[in-house]
Amino acid sequence: MSATTNSSRLTIQDIAKLYADGQRIPMLTAYDYPTARILDEAGIPILLVGDSLAEVMLGYESTVRVSMEEMLHHTKAVVRGSERAMVVADMPFLSYETPEQARENAGRFLREGGAQAVKAEGGVRSARSLEAIVRAGIPVMGHIGWTPQARHGMGGKVRVQGRTRDAAQRLLSDAIAVQDAGAFAVVLELVPAQLAAAITERLHIPTIGIGAGPGCSGQVQVVTDLLGLGSFIPRHARPYAHLRETILDAARAYASDVNAGTFPGSAESSAMDQAVLDEALGRGEMDRADAVPFPIPLDRDL
């Protein structure tokens, strides 16, 4: 499966049509080629190369550690692995602080990474950068509520946002700012279900929830949570498989078979003609001690 052309990929117009038709929009994160192939085959319309790869794939302690180069590397792999899904790349920490910087780095995700859109955190505070990206002809998805890149400024501890009157009003303002900046959709992360539904009702672009209840236009999950690969599953996630246990059992069974000498067996091995092997090892008929020596001409005899 190759992504040499974007002609068959979904576009922001396709996403807008799903929204207009009242269809819920599923989105999943993807970080590598084989996973992207499977999710694309499953018909997931949007694949997000999330900066969550910092924690779930690269082992960093937070999303702020991932770089543009690392994000580009993984974006390229997801694009190569998909054909139909729209690939959205996360703008990493400090890559969109000014409109000029935002436009340049967003352009790299399309030009070098092959993505079709980008995602950036922040509402009112990021509106100018979002607008600059849109004006450059680059589709952008917003992200408000709990914004992991700003976790240190939000107290460090992961928590639901917008539970007080003032906080709820700020989130409403953020949502409007994202929409007014020209974003084609906005992620609502860790927002009370009632507030997320109210924001969804007031916007004319899709809302994609994560820990924001069922009232959003769509939902996004981190793929490692969906597959049960992590040792910790957040409350807002639902594992649809338990691959951590499957992989652990498989690795233990493999190690046991290697230790016992039962892997590989004949089914996993290949053979060659014994006579050919004997000749290669000097055990052929001509190598026997009683064999007639074959006369080898010397240079003077040639």
Foldseek 3Di string as FASTA:
>chain_A
DFQPDQPQADALVNVLVCLVVLHAAEEEEDQAQVVLLVVQVVVRAEYEPDLCCVCPPVNHPASQPDDLVSQLVRLQRSSGNHHYHQYEYEQHAPQQQDLVSLQVSQVCCCPRNVGQAYEYEWFPNRLSNLLSNVVSVHAYEYEDWDDRSCCVVVVVDDAAFCPDPVRLVVVLRRLVSNVVSPHQEYEYERYDQVSQLVSQVVDSHFYEYQNRDDNGSYYYDHVCLCACQDPDHDPSGDHPHNVNVVVVVVVVVVVVCVVVVPPPDPVPDDDDDVQVVCVVVLNHPCSDPPHDDDDDDDPVVD
